[in-house]
Amino acid sequence: MADAAATEQQARSLLTAAAVRARAGHMLELGLRGGLTHFTIDLDRMDGVADAVVAVTRRSYPTLDIPFHARWRHFVLGGVDRWARLADQASWPDRATRARAEFDLAIVSVLLDAGAGAVWRYRDVVTGQSIGRSEGLAMASLDMFAGGAFSGDAHVPFRVDAGVIAELPLASLQAGFQVTEANPLLGLEGRADLLRRLGRLAAERPEIFGLRDTPRPGGLFDRLAAQANNGAIAAPTILSEVLNQLGPIWPSRLELAGLPLGDCWRHPAITADDATAGLVPLHKLSQWLSYSLIEPLQRAGLDVTDIDGLTGLAEYRNGGLFVDHEVLRLRDAADAERAHAVDSPLVVEWRALTVALLDRLAERVRAKLGRSPDSLPLASILEGGTWAAGRAIAFERRSDGAPPLKVISDGTVF
């Protein structure tokens, strides 16, 4: 039994931001020694990347008052913060009620966001604007949420009830996201399945998701609030809860000691002297969700500490930034034309290197802007920032703004 317990402890160690940072650092060290199969690394080009990020940041945030890279940014359209406007007009009996609603919205909206493809668009009913990609997915999910599509009570639209999403029909998402043959959305079935799994999980675990209300994803707020120490909670704790409590919803991924490992993949070059050898945790969506849960916790009166304890996000805008600026170069140029499975060593390499390089890039960006980690956390650099610079150079290099590498996604990773 001792061995089984030790293996489970090792598995749980992968469900942490510290493990993401450590394994990504290991991958970068291997790459700098020329030990990776798919990429070489040219750190001399990092200064140019930092300049590009600083330029985009100054343009978007001239005062350098930069919010976190979180789902909330995508609810702003034409300078109007749609969620803030709805929430400020609503009547909340207390701060915790609003926080639960914001957790509901953030969790569902993040899970529904995983690469829309280049074709799909969402027509905004207010402005008539046609919006693609992450921003379009955000507005679609916000409109569904605000319209009560996930609520079991017609008089209380701003909630996500476990029982409702556990039975969510695919047609409901198709309608909400305006999906037609002419307006296809990648991985729609995968997204619907993820929400159903979330609903079933929350319903089965009222001790986690129903502490102060009927079971709902937003019940995670009460779970986290209960762990606050003198009104403070560390950002890596948010991630650990997200990973440990929501872990079972992820489909057909790796497990260790019966524990689902989420966004964690195999790479033969990663060594360890225990059962975690060869495993590379990245937890992209879960970390982005964790960043997105910080502001609701703060609004509810909690102090969120160690925000830099979370890592950069291993997704294609940040990753594309390093490939398009040629910090990362493919050993085989033909790999740029092939489509790669998300669990392929090439994609695992790319994503891990992205996380490690973002830490190094953050130091350079802070130096150029004269800021400290406290005044410019990584979450703000991502927002300012690396994501926008990755998108900008993608459009410079390719007319459709596609990432430099093609990844086959099931709608639950990127």
Foldseek 3Di string as FASTA:
>chain_A
DVQLVVQVVVLLVLLFQVQQQVLLVVLVVCQCVVNDDWKHFDCVLLLVLLVLLLVLLCVVPVVLPFAFLALQVLCQDPNRRVVCVVLVPDDDPALLRVLLLLLQLRVLLLLQADWFDLQAWAQDPPPRDTDDHSSLSSRLSVVCQQCLVQPPDNVDSSFHALVNLLPPDLVSVCVSRVDDPNRHGFQSVVSSLLSNLVSVLQQVCCVQQVPPHHGGSSSVLVVQCVVADVQEDELRVQSSCLCQSSVVSDPDADDISNGRNAQKAFDQVAQDPDPCGRINHQCQSSSNSSSHSQVSSVSNPGHYPPNLSHWDHLDQLLLLSCVLSVSIDTPDPCQLVDEAECRDNNNSSSSSNSRNVLVVSVVSSCVVVVHDCVSQPSSRCVRSHSSVSSQVSLCVVDVSSDRSGHYDDSSRRD
